[in-house]
């Protein structure tokens, strides 16, 4: 039996679909990420799973029992499903330890370990209105939810509105929650690269529909369309003619277009075969350079580790056959 089972749940607001009928399951310990652009319906879907928004149709089962929506009970939510909103709040003028003690179901030794995992053990004596950063307030709100011992944790855009340092910290905390506390997690994000290394499975949402469901490697290298490709990083769509040149005429199909990620392209001054291009732009990204090169059909992006090329260089591009994914271009 799956831990969570979604059966054709949907939601409309003012006769407009926010979530079309959707179904999927989640196993115990499986980390699922739901990605999509703003307004794609992912947060509404998560709130229905958490019992915070009433589904318009369909059913949600947690450990084999139906999750009751807010229209059917006095207090919304499920006691074993924790939900961290991107708009969390902490009561002002309380010590952090007072906020955490209210509703805490953990013995002290387990609570102390939880505070350490959430990286807030040094904040317990601080007042909630005494200059806590956004990242610290988020981790306190998360620890408060975890004190109630949920079996499923739902995280709504946990990296939004955080600077790089705090994004790294909350990423560490979320990984520790799954690995050390053995709590099953689901999170939504509009920034696919944030979840690629974390998720066991990615669901791509667009206009209220789940359009792709697969392992991160599958969704990244074999996206269903350009919308899914763009959510997870830079990409190229190359023609059949360009693909043949890139792969040394080793492609046997007559597919009209192929998807190719920039990191799979090799670039060279000296190699005199492949796709002939001219470098017209170079962007520095710290540990790599992203080159834009002009082809007869348009531009192609190439990732390279060094500054060995300059704008105006005439170069050749090659790519392995298995990096070229047959693709129906478009959204």
C-alpha atoms as a PDB file:
ATOM      1  CA  UNK A   1       0.000   0.000   0.000  1.00  0.00           C
ATOM      2  CA  UNK A   2       1.416   3.446  -0.887  1.00  0.00           C
ATOM      3  CA  UNK A   3       1.740   6.007   1.884  1.00  0.00           C
ATOM      4  CA  UNK A   4      -0.193   8.534  -0.197  1.00  0.00           C
ATOM      5  CA  UNK A   5      -2.677   7.922  -3.009  1.00  0.00           C
ATOM      6  CA  UNK A   6      -4.169  10.714  -5.112  1.00  0.00           C
ATOM      7  CA  UNK A   7      -7.258   9.722  -7.096  1.00  0.00           C
ATOM      8  CA  UNK A   8      -8.452  12.194  -9.745  1.00  0.00           C
ATOM      9  CA  UNK A   9      -8.466  15.257  -7.491  1.00  0.00           C
ATOM     10  CA  UNK A  10      -9.262  18.578  -9.126  1.00  0.00           C
ATOM     11  CA  UNK A  11     -10.053  22.173  -8.238  1.00  0.00           C
ATOM     12  CA  UNK A  12     -11.830  25.073  -9.923  1.00  0.00           C
ATOM     13  CA  UNK A  13     -12.071  28.712  -8.884  1.00  0.00           C
ATOM     14  CA  UNK A  14     -14.760  30.827 -10.564  1.00  0.00           C
ATOM     15  CA  UNK A  15     -15.311  28.053 -13.113  1.00  0.00           C
ATOM     16  CA  UNK A  16     -11.654  28.158 -14.109  1.00  0.00           C
ATOM     17  CA  UNK A  17      -9.548  25.013 -13.757  1.00  0.00           C
ATOM     18  CA  UNK A  18      -6.705  25.440 -11.257  1.00  0.00           C
ATOM     19  CA  UNK A  19      -5.952  21.708 -11.031  1.00  0.00           C
ATOM     20  CA  UNK A  20      -7.334  19.325 -13.630  1.00  0.00           C
ATOM     21  CA  UNK A  21      -8.131  15.750 -12.467  1.00  0.00           C
ATOM     22  CA  UNK A  22      -4.779  14.370 -11.297  1.00  0.00           C
ATOM     23  CA  UNK A  23      -3.651  11.016  -9.926  1.00  0.00           C
ATOM     24  CA  UNK A  24      -0.393   9.643  -8.521  1.00  0.00           C
ATOM     25  CA  UNK A  25       0.965   7.766  -5.524  1.00  0.00           C
ATOM     26  CA  UNK A  26       3.877   8.258  -3.140  1.00  0.00           C
ATOM     27  CA  UNK A  27       5.712   5.468  -1.356  1.00  0.00           C
ATOM     28  CA  UNK A  28       7.052   5.639   2.189  1.00  0.00           C
ATOM     29  CA  UNK A  29      10.415   7.432   2.068  1.00  0.00           C
ATOM     30  CA  UNK A  30      10.029   8.571  -1.540  1.00  0.00           C
ATOM     31  CA  UNK A  31      10.997  12.204  -2.164  1.00  0.00           C
ATOM     32  CA  UNK A  32       8.704  13.840  -4.731  1.00  0.00           C
ATOM     33  CA  UNK A  33       9.211  17.296  -6.215  1.00  0.00           C
ATOM     34  CA  UNK A  34       6.426  19.068  -8.100  1.00  0.00           C
ATOM     35  CA  UNK A  35       7.811  21.708 -10.461  1.00  0.00           C
ATOM     36  CA  UNK A  36       6.067  24.241 -12.638  1.00  0.00           C
ATOM     37  CA  UNK A  37       5.830  27.917 -13.457  1.00  0.00           C
ATOM     38  CA  UNK A  38       4.008  30.313 -11.139  1.00  0.00           C
ATOM     39  CA  UNK A  39       0.266  29.699 -11.470  1.00  0.00           C
ATOM     40  CA  UNK A  40       0.619  26.127 -12.717  1.00  0.00           C
ATOM     41  CA  UNK A  41      -1.472  24.749  -9.830  1.00  0.00           C
ATOM     42  CA  UNK A  42       1.272  23.045  -7.856  1.00  0.00           C
ATOM     43  CA  UNK A  43       0.646  24.840  -4.531  1.00  0.00           C
ATOM     44  CA  UNK A  44      -3.109  24.251  -4.760  1.00  0.00           C
ATOM     45  CA  UNK A  45      -2.443  20.570  -5.419  1.00  0.00           C
ATOM     46  CA  UNK A  46      -0.196  20.396  -2.353  1.00  0.00           C
ATOM     47  CA  UNK A  47      -2.746  22.174  -0.152  1.00  0.00           C
ATOM     48  CA  UNK A  48      -5.422  19.679  -1.190  1.00  0.00           C
ATOM     49  CA  UNK A  49      -3.055  16.837  -0.253  1.00  0.00           C
ATOM     50  CA  UNK A  50      -2.524  18.432   3.161  1.00  0.00           C
ATOM     51  CA  UNK A  51      -6.256  18.772   3.829  1.00  0.00           C
ATOM     52  CA  UNK A  52      -6.054  22.579   3.732  1.00  0.00           C
ATOM     53  CA  UNK A  53      -8.005  23.128   0.491  1.00  0.00           C
ATOM     54  CA  UNK A  54     -11.136  21.153  -0.341  1.00  0.00           C
ATOM     55  CA  UNK A  55     -10.856  19.190  -3.631  1.00  0.00           C
ATOM     56  CA  UNK A  56     -13.587  19.870  -6.147  1.00  0.00           C
ATOM     57  CA  UNK A  57     -13.620  16.178  -7.034  1.00  0.00           C
ATOM     58  CA  UNK A  58     -11.636  13.034  -6.379  1.00  0.00           C
ATOM     59  CA  UNK A  59     -10.147  11.599  -3.195  1.00  0.00           C
ATOM     60  CA  UNK A  60      -6.871  11.574  -1.269  1.00  0.00           C
ATOM     61  CA  UNK A  61      -5.839   8.581   0.830  1.00  0.00           C
ATOM     62  CA  UNK A  62      -3.110   8.650   3.466  1.00  0.00           C
ATOM     63  CA  UNK A  63      -2.140   5.273   4.946  1.00  0.00           C
ATOM     64  CA  UNK A  64      -5.294   3.889   3.337  1.00  0.00           C
ATOM     65  CA  UNK A  65      -7.666   6.390   4.956  1.00  0.00           C
ATOM     66  CA  UNK A  66      -9.313   9.296   3.170  1.00  0.00           C
ATOM     67  CA  UNK A  67      -7.923  12.741   3.943  1.00  0.00           C
ATOM     68  CA  UNK A  68     -10.784  14.962   5.132  1.00  0.00           C
ATOM     69  CA  UNK A  69     -10.953  18.424   3.569  1.00  0.00           C
ATOM     70  CA  UNK A  70     -11.606  21.692   5.437  1.00  0.00           C
ATOM     71  CA  UNK A  71     -15.290  21.739   4.409  1.00  0.00           C
ATOM     72  CA  UNK A  72     -15.783  18.509   6.365  1.00  0.00           C
ATOM     73  CA  UNK A  73     -14.126  19.328   9.689  1.00  0.00           C
ATOM     74  CA  UNK A  74     -13.693  22.238  12.076  1.00  0.00           C
ATOM     75  CA  UNK A  75      -9.904  22.544  11.884  1.00  0.00           C
ATOM     76  CA  UNK A  76      -8.261  22.072   8.461  1.00  0.00           C
ATOM     77  CA  UNK A  77      -5.323  19.746   7.986  1.00  0.00           C
ATOM     78  CA  UNK A  78      -4.305  16.192   8.819  1.00  0.00           C
ATOM     79  CA  UNK A  79      -2.572  15.328  12.120  1.00  0.00           C
ATOM     80  CA  UNK A  80       0.111  13.228  10.402  1.00  0.00           C
ATOM     81  CA  UNK A  81       0.720  15.542   7.430  1.00  0.00           C
ATOM     82  CA  UNK A  82       2.825  18.631   8.103  1.00  0.00           C
ATOM     83  CA  UNK A  83       2.577  21.599   5.734  1.00  0.00           C
ATOM     84  CA  UNK A  84       5.100  24.454   5.623  1.00  0.00           C
ATOM     85  CA  UNK A  85       3.611  27.382   3.731  1.00  0.00           C
ATOM     86  CA  UNK A  86       5.811  29.859   1.902  1.00  0.00           C
ATOM     87  CA  UNK A  87       3.885  32.486   3.928  1.00  0.00           C
ATOM     88  CA  UNK A  88       4.589  31.075   7.407  1.00  0.00           C
ATOM     89  CA  UNK A  89       4.220  33.276  10.486  1.00  0.00           C
ATOM     90  CA  UNK A  90       5.660  33.281  14.023  1.00  0.00           C
ATOM     91  CA  UNK A  91       3.963  35.004  16.966  1.00  0.00           C
ATOM     92  CA  UNK A  92       5.857  38.117  18.044  1.00  0.00           C
ATOM     93  CA  UNK A  93       7.482  38.758  21.419  1.00  0.00           C
ATOM     94  CA  UNK A  94       7.925  35.090  22.354  1.00  0.00           C
ATOM     95  CA  UNK A  95      11.141  33.220  22.957  1.00  0.00           C
ATOM     96  CA  UNK A  96      11.818  30.639  20.270  1.00  0.00           C
ATOM     97  CA  UNK A  97      11.723  27.836  22.856  1.00  0.00           C
ATOM     98  CA  UNK A  98       8.236  28.963  23.938  1.00  0.00           C
ATOM     99  CA  UNK A  99       6.999  28.837  20.350  1.00  0.00           C
ATOM    100  CA  UNK A 100       8.397  25.327  19.985  1.00  0.00           C
ATOM    101  CA  UNK A 101       7.175  23.971  23.322  1.00  0.00           C
ATOM    102  CA  UNK A 102       3.525  24.653  22.471  1.00  0.00           C
ATOM    103  CA  UNK A 103       2.136  21.440  20.963  1.00  0.00           C
ATOM    104  CA  UNK A 104       5.495  19.638  21.182  1.00  0.00           C
ATOM    105  CA  UNK A 105       4.970  15.866  21.351  1.00  0.00           C
ATOM    106  CA  UNK A 106       8.657  14.916  21.534  1.00  0.00           C
ATOM    107  CA  UNK A 107      10.670  13.932  24.617  1.00  0.00           C
ATOM    108  CA  UNK A 108      13.400  16.472  25.374  1.00  0.00           C
ATOM    109  CA  UNK A 109      16.281  14.433  23.929  1.00  0.00           C
ATOM    110  CA  UNK A 110      14.444  14.009  20.603  1.00  0.00           C
ATOM    111  CA  UNK A 111      13.452  17.678  20.566  1.00  0.00           C
ATOM    112  CA  UNK A 112      17.075  18.705  21.110  1.00  0.00           C
ATOM    113  CA  UNK A 113      18.154  16.513  18.202  1.00  0.00           C
ATOM    114  CA  UNK A 114      15.427  18.016  16.013  1.00  0.00           C
ATOM    115  CA  UNK A 115      16.555  21.552  16.838  1.00  0.00           C
ATOM    116  CA  UNK A 116      20.112  20.577  15.939  1.00  0.00           C
ATOM    117  CA  UNK A 117      19.005  19.101  12.611  1.00  0.00           C
ATOM    118  CA  UNK A 118      17.006  22.263  11.845  1.00  0.00           C
ATOM    119  CA  UNK A 119      20.070  24.343  12.852  1.00  0.00           C
ATOM    120  CA  UNK A 120      18.153  26.429  15.380  1.00  0.00           C
ATOM    121  CA  UNK A 121      19.563  25.058  18.666  1.00  0.00           C
ATOM    122  CA  UNK A 122      21.523  28.315  19.150  1.00  0.00           C
ATOM    123  CA  UNK A 123      18.360  30.421  18.750  1.00  0.00           C
ATOM    124  CA  UNK A 124      16.154  28.967  21.500  1.00  0.00           C
ATOM    125  CA  UNK A 125      16.556  31.903  23.922  1.00  0.00           C
ATOM    126  CA  UNK A 126      16.065  34.550  21.240  1.00  0.00           C
ATOM    127  CA  UNK A 127      12.820  36.520  20.914  1.00  0.00           C
ATOM    128  CA  UNK A 128      10.902  36.075  17.678  1.00  0.00           C
ATOM    129  CA  UNK A 129      10.912  39.857  17.146  1.00  0.00           C
ATOM    130  CA  UNK A 130      14.644  40.316  17.840  1.00  0.00           C
ATOM    131  CA  UNK A 131      16.135  40.379  14.370  1.00  0.00           C
ATOM    132  CA  UNK A 132      15.802  36.783  13.236  1.00  0.00           C
ATOM    133  CA  UNK A 133      16.598  36.377   9.547  1.00  0.00           C
ATOM    134  CA  UNK A 134      14.041  35.017   7.107  1.00  0.00           C
ATOM    135  CA  UNK A 135      15.936  31.753   6.878  1.00  0.00           C
ATOM    136  CA  UNK A 136      16.077  31.389  10.666  1.00  0.00           C
ATOM    137  CA  UNK A 137      12.353  32.104  11.006  1.00  0.00           C
ATOM    138  CA  UNK A 138      11.625  29.519   8.307  1.00  0.00           C
ATOM    139  CA  UNK A 139      13.652  26.823  10.110  1.00  0.00           C
ATOM    140  CA  UNK A 140      11.895  27.624  13.395  1.00  0.00           C
ATOM    141  CA  UNK A 141       8.497  27.265  11.697  1.00  0.00           C
ATOM    142  CA  UNK A 142       9.669  23.987  10.181  1.00  0.00           C
ATOM    143  CA  UNK A 143      10.870  22.663  13.559  1.00  0.00           C
ATOM    144  CA  UNK A 144       7.500  23.557  15.113  1.00  0.00           C
ATOM    145  CA  UNK A 145       5.746  21.424  12.489  1.00  0.00           C
ATOM    146  CA  UNK A 146       8.173  18.538  13.015  1.00  0.00           C
ATOM    147  CA  UNK A 147       7.611  18.624  16.787  1.00  0.00           C
ATOM    148  CA  UNK A 148       4.160  17.179  16.048  1.00  0.00           C
ATOM    149  CA  UNK A 149       5.767  14.057  14.529  1.00  0.00           C
ATOM    150  CA  UNK A 150       4.254  14.096  11.021  1.00  0.00           C
ATOM    151  CA  UNK A 151       4.769  11.115   8.730  1.00  0.00           C
ATOM    152  CA  UNK A 152       4.550  13.247   5.574  1.00  0.00           C
ATOM    153  CA  UNK A 153       6.050  16.728   5.239  1.00  0.00           C
ATOM    154  CA  UNK A 154       4.820  19.093   2.511  1.00  0.00           C
ATOM    155  CA  UNK A 155       7.120  22.003   1.639  1.00  0.00           C
ATOM    156  CA  UNK A 156       5.674  24.843  -0.441  1.00  0.00           C
ATOM    157  CA  UNK A 157       8.466  26.725  -2.284  1.00  0.00           C
ATOM    158  CA  UNK A 158      10.974  26.336   0.586  1.00  0.00           C
ATOM    159  CA  UNK A 159      13.773  28.144  -1.307  1.00  0.00           C
ATOM    160  CA  UNK A 160      11.810  31.210  -2.404  1.00  0.00           C
ATOM    161  CA  UNK A 161      12.783  34.602  -0.938  1.00  0.00           C
ATOM    162  CA  UNK A 162      16.049  33.248   0.506  1.00  0.00           C
ATOM    163  CA  UNK A 163      19.572  34.404  -0.303  1.00  0.00           C
ATOM    164  CA  UNK A 164      22.177  31.868  -1.459  1.00  0.00           C
ATOM    165  CA  UNK A 165      23.542  31.196   2.041  1.00  0.00           C
ATOM    166  CA  UNK A 166      20.126  30.483   3.557  1.00  0.00           C
ATOM    167  CA  UNK A 167      19.058  28.446   0.516  1.00  0.00           C
ATOM    168  CA  UNK A 168      22.062  26.210   1.112  1.00  0.00           C
ATOM    169  CA  UNK A 169      21.193  25.885   4.807  1.00  0.00           C
ATOM    170  CA  UNK A 170      17.521  24.980   4.275  1.00  0.00           C
ATOM    171  CA  UNK A 171      18.580  22.495   1.575  1.00  0.00           C
ATOM    172  CA  UNK A 172      20.849  20.778   4.142  1.00  0.00           C
ATOM    173  CA  UNK A 173      18.010  20.749   6.683  1.00  0.00           C
ATOM    174  CA  UNK A 174      15.504  19.239   4.233  1.00  0.00           C
ATOM    175  CA  UNK A 175      17.968  16.509   3.266  1.00  0.00           C
ATOM    176  CA  UNK A 176      18.573  15.723   6.956  1.00  0.00           C
ATOM    177  CA  UNK A 177      14.831  15.515   7.663  1.00  0.00           C
ATOM    178  CA  UNK A 178      14.444  12.784   5.051  1.00  0.00           C
ATOM    179  CA  UNK A 179      17.680  10.925   5.795  1.00  0.00           C
ATOM    180  CA  UNK A 180      17.950  11.198   9.591  1.00  0.00           C
ATOM    181  CA  UNK A 181      14.358  11.615  10.763  1.00  0.00           C
ATOM    182  CA  UNK A 182      12.983   9.224   8.087  1.00  0.00           C
ATOM    183  CA  UNK A 183      10.085  11.538   7.280  1.00  0.00           C
ATOM    184  CA  UNK A 184       8.627  11.249   3.784  1.00  0.00           C
ATOM    185  CA  UNK A 185       8.812  14.603   1.997  1.00  0.00           C
ATOM    186  CA  UNK A 186       7.186  16.363  -0.930  1.00  0.00           C
ATOM    187  CA  UNK A 187       8.060  19.847  -2.108  1.00  0.00           C
ATOM    188  CA  UNK A 188       6.949  22.221  -4.839  1.00  0.00           C
ATOM    189  CA  UNK A 189       9.237  24.594  -6.699  1.00  0.00           C
ATOM    190  CA  UNK A 190       9.195  26.852  -9.733  1.00  0.00           C
ATOM    191  CA  UNK A 191      12.976  26.414 -10.019  1.00  0.00           C
ATOM    192  CA  UNK A 192      13.707  22.885 -11.228  1.00  0.00           C
ATOM    193  CA  UNK A 193      17.493  22.871 -10.597  1.00  0.00           C
ATOM    194  CA  UNK A 194      16.771  23.315  -6.865  1.00  0.00           C
ATOM    195  CA  UNK A 195      15.263  19.817  -6.664  1.00  0.00           C
ATOM    196  CA  UNK A 196      17.255  17.798  -9.226  1.00  0.00           C
ATOM    197  CA  UNK A 197      19.763  16.451  -6.687  1.00  0.00           C
ATOM    198  CA  UNK A 198      17.132  15.943  -3.967  1.00  0.00           C
ATOM    199  CA  UNK A 199      14.145  14.271  -5.584  1.00  0.00           C
ATOM    200  CA  UNK A 200      13.592  10.586  -6.281  1.00  0.00           C
ATOM    201  CA  UNK A 201      10.805  11.609  -8.644  1.00  0.00           C
ATOM    202  CA  UNK A 202       9.719  14.815 -10.372  1.00  0.00           C
ATOM    203  CA  UNK A 203       6.215  15.755 -11.452  1.00  0.00           C
ATOM    204  CA  UNK A 204       6.025  18.593 -13.990  1.00  0.00           C
ATOM    205  CA  UNK A 205       2.870  20.731 -13.870  1.00  0.00           C
ATOM    206  CA  UNK A 206       1.547  23.156 -16.441  1.00  0.00           C
ATOM    207  CA  UNK A 207      -1.844  24.881 -16.533  1.00  0.00           C
ATOM    208  CA  UNK A 208      -3.131  22.638 -13.767  1.00  0.00           C
ATOM    209  CA  UNK A 209      -2.072  19.359 -15.396  1.00  0.00           C
ATOM    210  CA  UNK A 210       0.699  16.903 -14.577  1.00  0.00           C
ATOM    211  CA  UNK A 211       2.378  16.646 -17.979  1.00  0.00           C
ATOM    212  CA  UNK A 212       5.371  14.484 -17.011  1.00  0.00           C
ATOM    213  CA  UNK A 213       6.216  12.134 -14.136  1.00  0.00           C
ATOM    214  CA  UNK A 214       9.609  10.477 -13.898  1.00  0.00           C
ATOM    215  CA  UNK A 215      13.014  10.211 -12.273  1.00  0.00           C
ATOM    216  CA  UNK A 216      15.099  13.420 -12.284  1.00  0.00           C
ATOM    217  CA  UNK A 217      17.505  12.026 -14.891  1.00  0.00           C
ATOM    218  CA  UNK A 218      14.624  11.060 -17.167  1.00  0.00           C
ATOM    219  CA  UNK A 219      12.843  14.404 -16.900  1.00  0.00           C
ATOM    220  CA  UNK A 220      16.114  16.333 -17.331  1.00  0.00           C
ATOM    221  CA  UNK A 221      17.517  14.441 -20.318  1.00  0.00           C
ATOM    222  CA  UNK A 222      14.206  13.410 -21.916  1.00  0.00           C
ATOM    223  CA  UNK A 223      11.682  16.179 -21.187  1.00  0.00           C
ATOM    224  CA  UNK A 224       8.303  15.880 -22.825  1.00  0.00           C
ATOM    225  CA  UNK A 225       8.466  19.384 -24.340  1.00  0.00           C
ATOM    226  CA  UNK A 226      10.337  22.681 -24.219  1.00  0.00           C
ATOM    227  CA  UNK A 227       8.357  23.858 -21.188  1.00  0.00           C
ATOM    228  CA  UNK A 228       9.592  20.886 -19.136  1.00  0.00           C
ATOM    229  CA  UNK A 229      13.111  21.264 -20.550  1.00  0.00           C
ATOM    230  CA  UNK A 230      13.326  24.938 -19.611  1.00  0.00           C
ATOM    231  CA  UNK A 231      12.186  24.379 -16.015  1.00  0.00           C
ATOM    232  CA  UNK A 232      15.248  22.233 -15.351  1.00  0.00           C
ATOM    233  CA  UNK A 233      17.992  24.226 -17.063  1.00  0.00           C
ATOM    234  CA  UNK A 234      19.463  25.555 -20.286  1.00  0.00           C
ATOM    235  CA  UNK A 235      18.793  23.504 -23.405  1.00  0.00           C
ATOM    236  CA  UNK A 236      19.079  23.476 -27.192  1.00  0.00           C
ATOM    237  CA  UNK A 237      16.652  22.310 -29.832  1.00  0.00           C
ATOM    238  CA  UNK A 238      18.633  21.358 -32.939  1.00  0.00           C
ATOM    239  CA  UNK A 239      17.402  20.332 -36.364  1.00  0.00           C
ATOM    240  CA  UNK A 240      17.957  16.912 -37.890  1.00  0.00           C
ATOM    241  CA  UNK A 241      20.663  18.378 -40.144  1.00  0.00           C
ATOM    242  CA  UNK A 242      22.480  19.933 -37.171  1.00  0.00           C
ATOM    243  CA  UNK A 243      22.139  16.734 -35.148  1.00  0.00           C
ATOM    244  CA  UNK A 244      23.706  14.714 -37.950  1.00  0.00           C
ATOM    245  CA  UNK A 245      26.644  17.126 -38.102  1.00  0.00           C
ATOM    246  CA  UNK A 246      27.079  17.130 -34.307  1.00  0.00           C
ATOM    247  CA  UNK A 247      27.036  13.326 -34.081  1.00  0.00           C
ATOM    248  CA  UNK A 248      29.178  12.657 -37.152  1.00  0.00           C
ATOM    249  CA  UNK A 249      26.251  11.386 -39.239  1.00  0.00           C
ATOM    250  CA  UNK A 250      25.670   8.536 -36.775  1.00  0.00           C
ATOM    251  CA  UNK A 251      21.993   9.278 -36.217  1.00  0.00           C
ATOM    252  CA  UNK A 252      19.798   6.836 -38.093  1.00  0.00           C
ATOM    253  CA  UNK A 253      16.370   8.407 -37.588  1.00  0.00           C
ATOM    254  CA  UNK A 254      14.635  11.098 -39.573  1.00  0.00           C
ATOM    255  CA  UNK A 255      13.353  12.900 -36.476  1.00  0.00           C
ATOM    256  CA  UNK A 256      12.850  16.595 -37.275  1.00  0.00           C
ATOM    257  CA  UNK A 257      14.289  17.954 -33.996  1.00  0.00           C
ATOM    258  CA  UNK A 258      16.462  16.883 -31.064  1.00  0.00           C
ATOM    259  CA  UNK A 259      16.967  18.198 -27.552  1.00  0.00           C
ATOM    260  CA  UNK A 260      20.575  18.653 -26.425  1.00  0.00           C
ATOM    261  CA  UNK A 261      21.821  20.032 -23.103  1.00  0.00           C
ATOM    262  CA  UNK A 262      24.766  22.517 -23.332  1.00  0.00           C
ATOM    263  CA  UNK A 263      27.057  20.422 -21.114  1.00  0.00           C
ATOM    264  CA  UNK A 264      27.012  17.536 -23.604  1.00  0.00           C
ATOM    265  CA  UNK A 265      28.549  19.547 -26.436  1.00  0.00           C
ATOM    266  CA  UNK A 266      32.277  19.485 -27.132  1.00  0.00           C
ATOM    267  CA  UNK A 267      33.836  22.584 -28.707  1.00  0.00           C
ATOM    268  CA  UNK A 268      37.171  22.729 -30.524  1.00  0.00           C
ATOM    269  CA  UNK A 269      39.406  24.959 -32.646  1.00  0.00           C
ATOM    270  CA  UNK A 270      41.385  22.070 -34.038  1.00  0.00           C
ATOM    271  CA  UNK A 271      38.783  19.426 -34.857  1.00  0.00           C
ATOM    272  CA  UNK A 272      37.665  19.990 -38.441  1.00  0.00           C
ATOM    273  CA  UNK A 273      34.478  17.965 -38.365  1.00  0.00           C
ATOM    274  CA  UNK A 274      31.157  18.453 -36.643  1.00  0.00           C
ATOM    275  CA  UNK A 275      28.909  21.500 -36.758  1.00  0.00           C
ATOM    276  CA  UNK A 276      30.706  24.675 -37.873  1.00  0.00           C
ATOM    277  CA  UNK A 277      29.684  27.732 -35.813  1.00  0.00           C
ATOM    278  CA  UNK A 278      30.877  31.199 -34.793  1.00  0.00           C
ATOM    279  CA  UNK A 279      31.017  32.201 -31.114  1.00  0.00           C
ATOM    280  CA  UNK A 280      28.938  35.363 -30.642  1.00  0.00           C
ATOM    281  CA  UNK A 281      28.539  35.595 -26.850  1.00  0.00           C
ATOM    282  CA  UNK A 282      30.285  34.313 -23.711  1.00  0.00           C
ATOM    283  CA  UNK A 283      28.830  34.454 -20.180  1.00  0.00           C
ATOM    284  CA  UNK A 284      30.873  33.642 -17.053  1.00  0.00           C
ATOM    285  CA  UNK A 285      29.038  31.497 -14.462  1.00  0.00           C
ATOM    286  CA  UNK A 286      31.811  30.895 -11.929  1.00  0.00           C
ATOM    287  CA  UNK A 287      32.757  27.259 -12.437  1.00  0.00           C
ATOM    288  CA  UNK A 288      31.902  27.258 -16.154  1.00  0.00           C
ATOM    289  CA  UNK A 289      31.387  29.479 -19.197  1.00  0.00           C
ATOM    290  CA  UNK A 290      28.206  29.463 -21.267  1.00  0.00           C
ATOM    291  CA  UNK A 291      28.946  30.197 -24.911  1.00  0.00           C
ATOM    292  CA  UNK A 292      26.376  31.172 -27.505  1.00  0.00           C
ATOM    293  CA  UNK A 293      27.321  30.183 -31.031  1.00  0.00           C
ATOM    294  CA  UNK A 294      25.645  31.084 -34.297  1.00  0.00           C
ATOM    295  CA  UNK A 295      24.590  28.365 -36.722  1.00  0.00           C
ATOM    296  CA  UNK A 296      22.866  28.729 -40.064  1.00  0.00           C
ATOM    297  CA  UNK A 297      19.552  28.061 -38.324  1.00  0.00           C
ATOM    298  CA  UNK A 298      19.996  30.159 -35.180  1.00  0.00           C
ATOM    299  CA  UNK A 299      21.988  29.948 -31.954  1.00  0.00           C
ATOM    300  CA  UNK A 300      23.213  27.056 -29.838  1.00  0.00           C
ATOM    301  CA  UNK A 301      24.388  27.118 -26.194  1.00  0.00           C
ATOM    302  CA  UNK A 302      27.606  25.362 -25.182  1.00  0.00           C
ATOM    303  CA  UNK A 303      28.941  24.874 -21.649  1.00  0.00           C
ATOM    304  CA  UNK A 304      32.721  24.888 -21.274  1.00  0.00           C
ATOM    305  CA  UNK A 305      35.037  24.772 -18.271  1.00  0.00           C
ATOM    306  CA  UNK A 306      37.673  27.276 -19.413  1.00  0.00           C
ATOM    307  CA  UNK A 307      38.104  30.656 -21.102  1.00  0.00           C
ATOM    308  CA  UNK A 308      39.783  29.123 -24.150  1.00  0.00           C
ATOM    309  CA  UNK A 309      37.465  30.794 -26.648  1.00  0.00           C
ATOM    310  CA  UNK A 310      36.582  34.340 -27.648  1.00  0.00           C
ATOM    311  CA  UNK A 311      33.740  36.092 -29.412  1.00  0.00           C
ATOM    312  CA  UNK A 312      34.266  35.796 -33.145  1.00  0.00           C
ATOM    313  CA  UNK A 313      36.052  32.431 -33.034  1.00  0.00           C
ATOM    314  CA  UNK A 314      35.185  29.948 -35.789  1.00  0.00           C
ATOM    315  CA  UNK A 315      34.870  26.566 -34.059  1.00  0.00           C
ATOM    316  CA  UNK A 316      33.367  23.099 -34.457  1.00  0.00           C
ATOM    317  CA  UNK A 317      30.846  21.425 -32.174  1.00  0.00           C
ATOM    318  CA  UNK A 318      30.360  17.703 -31.627  1.00  0.00           C
ATOM    319  CA  UNK A 319      28.094  15.654 -29.348  1.00  0.00           C
ATOM    320  CA  UNK A 320      27.613  11.969 -28.507  1.00  0.00           C
ATOM    321  CA  UNK A 321      24.674  10.250 -30.168  1.00  0.00           C
ATOM    322  CA  UNK A 322      23.029   9.254 -26.882  1.00  0.00           C
ATOM    323  CA  UNK A 323      22.948  12.903 -25.740  1.00  0.00           C
ATOM    324  CA  UNK A 324      20.608  13.823 -28.608  1.00  0.00           C
ATOM    325  CA  UNK A 325      17.047  13.170 -27.499  1.00  0.00           C
ATOM    326  CA  UNK A 326      14.442  12.868 -30.314  1.00  0.00           C
ATOM    327  CA  UNK A 327      12.034  15.650 -29.557  1.00  0.00           C
ATOM    328  CA  UNK A 328       8.864  17.355 -30.748  1.00  0.00           C
ATOM    329  CA  UNK A 329       9.871  20.993 -30.538  1.00  0.00           C
ATOM    330  CA  UNK A 330       7.395  23.413 -28.969  1.00  0.00           C
ATOM    331  CA  UNK A 331       5.478  23.946 -25.778  1.00  0.00           C
END
